[in-house]
N, C-alpha and C. Protein backbone atom coordinates (compact mmCIF):
# COMPACT_ATOMS: atom_id res chain seq x y z
N MET A 1 81.87 -25.27 -6.22
CA MET A 1 82.09 -24.28 -5.19
C MET A 1 80.76 -23.73 -4.72
N ASN A 2 80.67 -23.46 -3.46
CA ASN A 2 79.47 -22.86 -2.87
C ASN A 2 79.93 -21.65 -2.07
N ILE A 3 79.56 -20.46 -2.55
CA ILE A 3 79.90 -19.21 -1.87
C ILE A 3 78.61 -18.65 -1.29
N VAL A 4 78.60 -18.36 0.01
CA VAL A 4 77.36 -17.99 0.69
C VAL A 4 77.50 -16.68 1.47
N GLY A 5 76.34 -16.12 1.81
CA GLY A 5 76.28 -14.98 2.72
C GLY A 5 76.32 -15.46 4.16
N SER A 6 76.52 -14.55 5.09
CA SER A 6 76.74 -14.93 6.49
C SER A 6 75.54 -15.62 7.14
N SER A 7 74.34 -15.39 6.67
CA SER A 7 73.16 -15.98 7.31
C SER A 7 72.65 -17.23 6.58
N PHE A 8 73.37 -17.72 5.57
CA PHE A 8 72.89 -18.88 4.82
C PHE A 8 72.93 -20.14 5.67
N TYR A 9 74.04 -20.39 6.36
CA TYR A 9 74.15 -21.51 7.30
C TYR A 9 74.22 -20.93 8.71
N GLN A 10 73.56 -21.56 9.66
CA GLN A 10 73.62 -21.11 11.04
C GLN A 10 74.34 -22.14 11.90
N GLN A 11 74.96 -21.65 12.97
CA GLN A 11 75.60 -22.52 13.94
C GLN A 11 74.56 -23.01 14.94
N PHE A 12 74.95 -23.97 15.78
CA PHE A 12 74.04 -24.53 16.79
C PHE A 12 73.39 -23.45 17.65
N ASP A 13 74.15 -22.45 18.02
CA ASP A 13 73.63 -21.42 18.91
C ASP A 13 72.79 -20.36 18.19
N GLY A 14 72.56 -20.51 16.89
CA GLY A 14 71.75 -19.58 16.12
C GLY A 14 72.53 -18.44 15.49
N SER A 15 73.81 -18.33 15.78
CA SER A 15 74.61 -17.26 15.18
C SER A 15 74.95 -17.61 13.73
N ASP A 16 75.37 -16.59 12.99
CA ASP A 16 75.70 -16.80 11.58
C ASP A 16 76.84 -17.80 11.43
N GLY A 17 76.78 -18.56 10.34
CA GLY A 17 77.82 -19.55 10.07
C GLY A 17 79.06 -18.97 9.42
N GLY A 18 78.95 -17.76 8.91
CA GLY A 18 80.08 -17.13 8.23
C GLY A 18 79.80 -16.99 6.74
N SER A 19 80.44 -16.04 6.12
CA SER A 19 80.23 -15.81 4.70
C SER A 19 81.48 -16.20 3.92
N GLY A 20 81.31 -16.30 2.61
CA GLY A 20 82.43 -16.64 1.73
C GLY A 20 82.33 -18.08 1.25
N LEU A 21 83.47 -18.65 1.00
CA LEU A 21 83.54 -20.01 0.47
C LEU A 21 83.11 -21.02 1.53
N ALA A 22 82.06 -21.79 1.25
CA ALA A 22 81.54 -22.76 2.22
C ALA A 22 81.91 -24.19 1.86
N VAL A 23 81.83 -24.54 0.58
CA VAL A 23 82.08 -25.92 0.14
C VAL A 23 82.87 -25.90 -1.17
N VAL A 24 83.85 -26.76 -1.25
CA VAL A 24 84.54 -27.04 -2.50
C VAL A 24 84.39 -28.53 -2.74
N SER A 25 83.96 -28.92 -3.94
CA SER A 25 83.79 -30.35 -4.21
C SER A 25 84.37 -30.70 -5.58
N VAL A 26 84.84 -31.95 -5.67
CA VAL A 26 85.38 -32.52 -6.90
C VAL A 26 84.82 -33.92 -6.99
N SER A 27 84.37 -34.31 -8.20
CA SER A 27 83.77 -35.64 -8.35
C SER A 27 84.12 -36.26 -9.70
N PRO A 28 85.30 -36.86 -9.82
CA PRO A 28 85.64 -37.53 -11.07
C PRO A 28 84.80 -38.81 -11.25
N LYS A 29 84.43 -39.09 -12.51
CA LYS A 29 83.58 -40.24 -12.81
C LYS A 29 84.16 -41.01 -13.99
N VAL A 30 84.11 -42.34 -13.91
CA VAL A 30 84.59 -43.21 -14.98
C VAL A 30 83.43 -44.08 -15.44
N GLY A 31 83.22 -44.13 -16.75
CA GLY A 31 82.18 -44.99 -17.32
C GLY A 31 82.80 -46.05 -18.21
N VAL A 32 82.28 -47.27 -18.13
CA VAL A 32 82.78 -48.39 -18.92
C VAL A 32 81.61 -49.00 -19.68
N PRO A 33 81.67 -49.02 -21.02
CA PRO A 33 80.58 -49.66 -21.77
C PRO A 33 80.57 -51.17 -21.54
N LEU A 34 79.38 -51.74 -21.41
CA LEU A 34 79.22 -53.19 -21.23
C LEU A 34 78.81 -53.80 -22.57
N LYS A 35 79.75 -53.85 -23.50
CA LYS A 35 79.48 -54.28 -24.88
C LYS A 35 79.09 -55.74 -24.98
N PHE A 36 79.44 -56.55 -23.99
CA PHE A 36 79.13 -57.98 -24.06
C PHE A 36 77.63 -58.24 -24.02
N LEU A 37 76.81 -57.25 -23.62
CA LEU A 37 75.35 -57.42 -23.60
C LEU A 37 74.73 -57.25 -24.99
N GLY A 38 75.49 -56.73 -25.94
CA GLY A 38 74.99 -56.57 -27.30
C GLY A 38 74.06 -55.37 -27.46
N VAL A 39 73.87 -54.93 -28.70
CA VAL A 39 73.04 -53.74 -28.96
C VAL A 39 71.55 -54.06 -28.94
N SER A 40 71.16 -55.32 -29.04
CA SER A 40 69.74 -55.65 -29.03
C SER A 40 69.10 -55.43 -27.65
N HIS A 41 69.91 -55.34 -26.62
CA HIS A 41 69.43 -55.09 -25.27
C HIS A 41 69.64 -53.64 -24.84
N GLY A 42 70.02 -52.77 -25.76
CA GLY A 42 70.30 -51.38 -25.43
C GLY A 42 71.80 -51.18 -25.20
N ALA A 43 72.19 -49.96 -24.99
CA ALA A 43 73.59 -49.63 -24.72
C ALA A 43 73.78 -49.52 -23.21
N TRP A 44 74.43 -50.52 -22.62
CA TRP A 44 74.63 -50.56 -21.18
C TRP A 44 75.98 -49.97 -20.82
N LYS A 45 76.03 -49.32 -19.65
CA LYS A 45 77.27 -48.73 -19.17
C LYS A 45 77.33 -48.84 -17.65
N ALA A 46 78.49 -49.20 -17.13
CA ALA A 46 78.73 -49.18 -15.69
C ALA A 46 79.54 -47.92 -15.37
N SER A 47 79.22 -47.28 -14.27
CA SER A 47 79.95 -46.06 -13.90
C SER A 47 80.35 -46.10 -12.43
N PHE A 48 81.47 -45.45 -12.16
CA PHE A 48 82.03 -45.39 -10.81
C PHE A 48 82.54 -43.98 -10.57
N ALA A 49 82.31 -43.44 -9.39
CA ALA A 49 82.74 -42.08 -9.09
C ALA A 49 83.15 -41.97 -7.62
N VAL A 50 84.01 -41.01 -7.35
CA VAL A 50 84.40 -40.65 -6.00
C VAL A 50 84.17 -39.15 -5.87
N SER A 51 83.46 -38.74 -4.83
CA SER A 51 83.21 -37.32 -4.58
C SER A 51 83.97 -36.90 -3.33
N TYR A 52 84.67 -35.78 -3.45
CA TYR A 52 85.40 -35.20 -2.32
C TYR A 52 84.78 -33.84 -2.01
N PHE A 53 84.50 -33.59 -0.74
CA PHE A 53 83.94 -32.32 -0.29
C PHE A 53 84.83 -31.74 0.80
N HIS A 54 85.18 -30.46 0.67
CA HIS A 54 85.88 -29.75 1.73
C HIS A 54 84.92 -28.69 2.27
N LEU A 55 84.55 -28.81 3.54
CA LEU A 55 83.61 -27.89 4.19
C LEU A 55 84.41 -26.85 4.96
N SER A 56 84.14 -25.56 4.70
CA SER A 56 84.91 -24.51 5.37
C SER A 56 84.00 -23.41 5.92
N ASN A 57 82.83 -23.80 6.42
CA ASN A 57 81.87 -22.85 7.00
C ASN A 57 81.45 -23.40 8.35
N ASP A 58 81.52 -22.57 9.41
CA ASP A 58 81.20 -23.05 10.76
C ASP A 58 79.77 -23.57 10.89
N GLY A 59 78.81 -22.92 10.26
CA GLY A 59 77.43 -23.39 10.30
C GLY A 59 77.26 -24.72 9.60
N LEU A 60 77.91 -24.88 8.48
CA LEU A 60 77.86 -26.14 7.73
C LEU A 60 78.53 -27.27 8.51
N LEU A 61 79.63 -26.97 9.17
CA LEU A 61 80.30 -27.99 9.99
C LEU A 61 79.42 -28.40 11.17
N ASP A 62 78.69 -27.46 11.77
CA ASP A 62 77.76 -27.81 12.85
C ASP A 62 76.67 -28.75 12.33
N GLY A 63 76.11 -28.45 11.17
CA GLY A 63 75.07 -29.31 10.58
C GLY A 63 75.60 -30.68 10.23
N ASN A 64 76.83 -30.75 9.72
CA ASN A 64 77.44 -32.03 9.39
C ASN A 64 77.65 -32.85 10.65
N GLN A 65 77.96 -32.20 11.74
CA GLN A 65 78.15 -32.91 13.02
C GLN A 65 76.85 -33.57 13.45
N VAL A 66 75.72 -32.93 13.22
CA VAL A 66 74.42 -33.50 13.61
C VAL A 66 74.03 -34.63 12.67
N LEU A 67 74.19 -34.42 11.36
CA LEU A 67 73.69 -35.38 10.38
C LEU A 67 74.62 -36.55 10.12
N ALA A 68 75.92 -36.35 10.21
CA ALA A 68 76.85 -37.39 9.77
C ALA A 68 77.51 -38.16 10.91
N ASN A 69 78.16 -37.45 11.81
CA ASN A 69 78.90 -38.12 12.87
C ASN A 69 79.20 -37.11 13.98
N PRO A 70 79.71 -37.56 15.11
CA PRO A 70 79.91 -36.64 16.25
C PRO A 70 81.13 -35.73 16.13
N THR A 71 81.88 -35.78 15.04
CA THR A 71 83.05 -34.91 14.90
C THR A 71 82.79 -33.86 13.83
N ARG A 72 83.51 -32.78 13.87
CA ARG A 72 83.37 -31.70 12.89
C ARG A 72 84.35 -31.94 11.74
N GLU A 73 84.12 -32.97 10.96
CA GLU A 73 85.02 -33.30 9.86
C GLU A 73 84.81 -32.32 8.71
N SER A 74 85.91 -31.80 8.19
CA SER A 74 85.81 -30.86 7.09
C SER A 74 86.15 -31.49 5.74
N ASN A 75 86.67 -32.71 5.74
CA ASN A 75 86.99 -33.41 4.49
C ASN A 75 86.18 -34.70 4.42
N LEU A 76 85.30 -34.79 3.43
CA LEU A 76 84.40 -35.94 3.31
C LEU A 76 84.57 -36.62 1.95
N LEU A 77 84.41 -37.94 1.93
CA LEU A 77 84.46 -38.72 0.69
C LEU A 77 83.17 -39.50 0.53
N GLN A 78 82.70 -39.60 -0.71
CA GLN A 78 81.56 -40.46 -1.04
C GLN A 78 81.96 -41.30 -2.24
N PHE A 79 81.49 -42.54 -2.28
CA PHE A 79 81.74 -43.43 -3.39
C PHE A 79 80.42 -43.77 -4.05
N HIS A 80 80.39 -43.74 -5.39
CA HIS A 80 79.18 -43.99 -6.15
C HIS A 80 79.43 -45.05 -7.21
N GLY A 81 78.42 -45.80 -7.52
CA GLY A 81 78.49 -46.76 -8.60
C GLY A 81 77.11 -46.97 -9.18
N GLY A 82 77.05 -47.35 -10.45
CA GLY A 82 75.75 -47.57 -11.04
C GLY A 82 75.84 -48.21 -12.40
N VAL A 83 74.69 -48.62 -12.90
CA VAL A 83 74.57 -49.20 -14.23
C VAL A 83 73.44 -48.46 -14.94
N SER A 84 73.66 -48.11 -16.20
CA SER A 84 72.62 -47.40 -16.96
C SER A 84 72.44 -48.08 -18.31
N VAL A 85 71.26 -47.89 -18.88
CA VAL A 85 70.96 -48.43 -20.20
C VAL A 85 70.26 -47.36 -21.03
N PHE A 86 70.61 -47.29 -22.29
CA PHE A 86 70.00 -46.37 -23.24
C PHE A 86 69.45 -47.16 -24.41
N PHE A 87 68.20 -46.88 -24.78
CA PHE A 87 67.57 -47.56 -25.92
C PHE A 87 67.46 -46.61 -27.08
């Protein structure tokens, strides 16, 4: 959660973006050990995650319109994946 004051995000015209709850996000992650690589090469793990963001601040929506796409989308998804090793 991101709770902000009225001047934290600004709209295109320079006015305040609004105060209160600006962003709510959830990001569940799943990790799978890659045991077939054996312990002599370290402990390998593959991970996958999905992040969901709900934007509810006018200034933040204006910024998202500039950076992401031409619409003021308030619900965004991101997909992540990776491989890690620990020695």
